[in-house]
Amino acid sequence: MDDLNELQGICFEIISYVGTAKSCYINAVAKAKEGDFDAAADLIAQGDTAYSGGHGVHMKLLQAEAAGERASEAAPLILLHAEDQMAGAEMAKLMAQNFIDVYRELRALK
């Protein structure tokens, strides 16, 4: 990794992927609330695909770090933000899956 601009571009790529994932997970909850559990499952799957893209990009960064290919030892704020967004997307998925289960149970009780 040659320069900070390249690293920033990679970080924005991660943020884009995991932001899409988080949106899919949140929209899945909305679909479950409406009773459309098939659409909710599709959105969870789409979110997983997007998250996987971000995770793959992040893994390349970690591999470059392990190989000593980082130009700078300092972690720029944008990298910290990208990793924070990844963690947030993981939490959104866990919460979405739990809400979907609750909505499914509520529907069954009606």
C-alpha atoms as a PDB file:
ATOM      1  CA  MET A   1       0.000   0.000   0.000  1.00  0.00           C
ATOM      2  CA  ASP A   2       1.764   3.056  -1.285  1.00  0.00           C
ATOM      3  CA  ASP A   3       0.027   6.082   0.126  1.00  0.00           C
ATOM      4  CA  LEU A   4      -2.618   7.502   2.394  1.00  0.00           C
ATOM      5  CA  ASN A   5      -4.980   8.227  -0.514  1.00  0.00           C
ATOM      6  CA  GLU A   6      -5.040   4.543  -1.436  1.00  0.00           C
ATOM      7  CA  LEU A   7      -5.771   3.586   2.167  1.00  0.00           C
ATOM      8  CA  GLN A   8      -8.548   6.155   2.370  1.00  0.00           C
ATOM      9  CA  GLY A   9     -10.120   4.772  -0.804  1.00  0.00           C
ATOM     10  CA  ILE A  10     -10.024   1.273   0.643  1.00  0.00           C
ATOM     11  CA  CYS A  11     -11.608   2.509   3.861  1.00  0.00           C
ATOM     12  CA  PHE A  12     -14.410   4.205   1.954  1.00  0.00           C
ATOM     13  CA  GLU A  13     -14.980   0.942   0.110  1.00  0.00           C
ATOM     14  CA  ILE A  14     -15.415  -0.860   3.435  1.00  0.00           C
ATOM     15  CA  ILE A  15     -17.762   1.855   4.696  1.00  0.00           C
ATOM     16  CA  SER A  16     -19.855   1.604   1.534  1.00  0.00           C
ATOM     17  CA  TYR A  17     -20.206  -2.173   1.764  1.00  0.00           C
ATOM     18  CA  VAL A  18     -21.070  -2.284   5.446  1.00  0.00           C
ATOM     19  CA  GLY A  19     -23.367   0.741   5.211  1.00  0.00           C
ATOM     20  CA  THR A  20     -25.351  -1.128   2.586  1.00  0.00           C
ATOM     21  CA  ALA A  21     -25.406  -4.186   4.839  1.00  0.00           C
ATOM     22  CA  LYS A  22     -26.661  -2.165   7.792  1.00  0.00           C
ATOM     23  CA  SER A  23     -29.438  -0.642   5.686  1.00  0.00           C
ATOM     24  CA  CYS A  24     -30.503  -4.092   4.489  1.00  0.00           C
ATOM     25  CA  TYR A  25     -30.654  -5.384   8.058  1.00  0.00           C
ATOM     26  CA  ILE A  26     -32.736  -2.436   9.247  1.00  0.00           C
ATOM     27  CA  ASN A  27     -35.084  -2.723   6.268  1.00  0.00           C
ATOM     28  CA  ALA A  28     -35.450  -6.436   7.029  1.00  0.00           C
ATOM     29  CA  VAL A  29     -36.888  -5.542  10.430  1.00  0.00           C
ATOM     30  CA  ALA A  30     -39.398  -3.205   8.780  1.00  0.00           C
ATOM     31  CA  LYS A  31     -40.483  -5.984   6.409  1.00  0.00           C
ATOM     32  CA  ALA A  32     -40.858  -8.405   9.319  1.00  0.00           C
ATOM     33  CA  LYS A  33     -42.996  -5.863  11.164  1.00  0.00           C
ATOM     34  CA  GLU A  34     -45.263  -5.802   8.102  1.00  0.00           C
ATOM     35  CA  GLY A  35     -45.397  -9.597   8.205  1.00  0.00           C
ATOM     36  CA  ASP A  36     -43.361 -10.077   5.030  1.00  0.00           C
ATOM     37  CA  PHE A  37     -40.865 -12.597   6.370  1.00  0.00           C
ATOM     38  CA  ASP A  38     -39.734 -13.745   2.932  1.00  0.00           C
ATOM     39  CA  ALA A  39     -38.683 -10.190   2.051  1.00  0.00           C
ATOM     40  CA  ALA A  40     -37.019  -9.900   5.462  1.00  0.00           C
ATOM     41  CA  ALA A  41     -35.010 -13.058   4.797  1.00  0.00           C
ATOM     42  CA  ASP A  42     -34.015 -11.751   1.350  1.00  0.00           C
ATOM     43  CA  LEU A  43     -32.828  -8.471   2.875  1.00  0.00           C
ATOM     44  CA  ILE A  44     -30.790 -10.311   5.509  1.00  0.00           C
ATOM     45  CA  ALA A  45     -29.170 -12.330   2.703  1.00  0.00           C
ATOM     46  CA  GLN A  46     -28.454  -9.149   0.709  1.00  0.00           C
ATOM     47  CA  GLY A  47     -26.972  -7.580   3.836  1.00  0.00           C
ATOM     48  CA  ASP A  48     -24.786 -10.621   4.379  1.00  0.00           C
ATOM     49  CA  THR A  49     -23.499 -10.380   0.800  1.00  0.00           C
ATOM     50  CA  ALA A  50     -22.680  -6.688   1.224  1.00  0.00           C
ATOM     51  CA  TYR A  51     -21.054  -7.279   4.612  1.00  0.00           C
ATOM     52  CA  SER A  52     -18.965 -10.055   3.120  1.00  0.00           C
ATOM     53  CA  GLY A  53     -17.650  -7.590   0.525  1.00  0.00           C
ATOM     54  CA  GLY A  54     -16.569  -5.191   3.246  1.00  0.00           C
ATOM     55  CA  HIS A  55     -15.066  -7.980   5.287  1.00  0.00           C
ATOM     56  CA  GLY A  56     -13.038  -9.130   2.273  1.00  0.00           C
ATOM     57  CA  VAL A  57     -11.630  -5.654   1.728  1.00  0.00           C
ATOM     58  CA  HIS A  58     -10.820  -5.392   5.436  1.00  0.00           C
ATOM     59  CA  MET A  59      -9.082  -8.766   5.351  1.00  0.00           C
ATOM     60  CA  LYS A  60      -6.825  -7.507   2.535  1.00  0.00           C
ATOM     61  CA  LEU A  61      -5.844  -4.569   4.750  1.00  0.00           C
ATOM     62  CA  LEU A  62      -5.014  -6.923   7.593  1.00  0.00           C
ATOM     63  CA  GLN A  63      -2.948  -9.119   5.280  1.00  0.00           C
ATOM     64  CA  ALA A  64      -1.035  -6.080   4.011  1.00  0.00           C
ATOM     65  CA  GLU A  65      -0.380  -5.076   7.605  1.00  0.00           C
ATOM     66  CA  ALA A  66       0.881  -8.550   8.464  1.00  0.00           C
ATOM     67  CA  ALA A  67       3.157  -8.515   5.415  1.00  0.00           C
ATOM     68  CA  GLY A  68       4.617  -5.156   6.441  1.00  0.00           C
ATOM     69  CA  GLU A  69       3.229  -3.415   3.367  1.00  0.00           C
ATOM     70  CA  ARG A  70       1.654  -0.454   5.133  1.00  0.00           C
ATOM     71  CA  ALA A  71       3.400   2.816   4.336  1.00  0.00           C
ATOM     72  CA  SER A  72       2.589   4.316   7.725  1.00  0.00           C
ATOM     73  CA  GLU A  73       2.255   2.831  11.183  1.00  0.00           C
ATOM     74  CA  ALA A  74      -0.412   5.368  12.136  1.00  0.00           C
ATOM     75  CA  ALA A  75      -4.035   4.318  11.757  1.00  0.00           C
ATOM     76  CA  PRO A  76      -5.919   7.188  10.126  1.00  0.00           C
ATOM     77  CA  LEU A  77      -9.261   8.188  11.552  1.00  0.00           C
ATOM     78  CA  ILE A  78     -11.044   6.927   8.441  1.00  0.00           C
ATOM     79  CA  LEU A  79      -9.766   3.379   9.092  1.00  0.00           C
ATOM     80  CA  LEU A  80     -11.057   3.526  12.650  1.00  0.00           C
ATOM     81  CA  HIS A  81     -14.394   4.749  11.311  1.00  0.00           C
ATOM     82  CA  ALA A  82     -14.535   1.905   8.771  1.00  0.00           C
ATOM     83  CA  GLU A  83     -13.892  -0.676  11.471  1.00  0.00           C
ATOM     84  CA  ASP A  84     -16.490   0.961  13.717  1.00  0.00           C
ATOM     85  CA  GLN A  85     -19.017   0.769  10.885  1.00  0.00           C
ATOM     86  CA  MET A  86     -18.222  -2.927  10.457  1.00  0.00           C
ATOM     87  CA  ALA A  87     -18.904  -3.539  14.146  1.00  0.00           C
ATOM     88  CA  GLY A  88     -22.130  -1.531  13.911  1.00  0.00           C
ATOM     89  CA  ALA A  89     -23.310  -3.586  10.955  1.00  0.00           C
ATOM     90  CA  GLU A  90     -22.640  -6.809  12.859  1.00  0.00           C
ATOM     91  CA  MET A  91     -24.710  -5.531  15.766  1.00  0.00           C
ATOM     92  CA  ALA A  92     -27.488  -4.395  13.414  1.00  0.00           C
ATOM     93  CA  LYS A  93     -27.665  -7.909  11.973  1.00  0.00           C
ATOM     94  CA  LEU A  94     -27.923  -9.513  15.409  1.00  0.00           C
ATOM     95  CA  MET A  95     -30.643  -7.094  16.452  1.00  0.00           C
ATOM     96  CA  ALA A  96     -32.492  -7.515  13.145  1.00  0.00           C
ATOM     97  CA  GLN A  97     -32.520 -11.289  13.457  1.00  0.00           C
ATOM     98  CA  ASN A  98     -33.900 -11.032  16.982  1.00  0.00           C
ATOM     99  CA  PHE A  99     -36.592  -8.522  16.005  1.00  0.00           C
ATOM    100  CA  ILE A 100     -37.605 -10.681  13.048  1.00  0.00           C
ATOM    101  CA  ASP A 101     -38.008 -13.649  15.401  1.00  0.00           C
ATOM    102  CA  VAL A 102     -40.123 -11.546  17.778  1.00  0.00           C
ATOM    103  CA  TYR A 103     -42.355 -10.310  14.947  1.00  0.00           C
ATOM    104  CA  ARG A 104     -42.733 -13.873  13.676  1.00  0.00           C
ATOM    105  CA  GLU A 105     -43.817 -15.026  17.146  1.00  0.00           C
ATOM    106  CA  LEU A 106     -46.227 -12.112  17.506  1.00  0.00           C
ATOM    107  CA  ARG A 107     -47.817 -12.983  14.160  1.00  0.00           C
ATOM    108  CA  ALA A 108     -48.212 -16.594  15.261  1.00  0.00           C
ATOM    109  CA  LEU A 109     -50.015 -15.478  18.431  1.00  0.00           C
ATOM    110  CA  LYS A 110     -52.574 -13.364  16.553  1.00  0.00           C
END
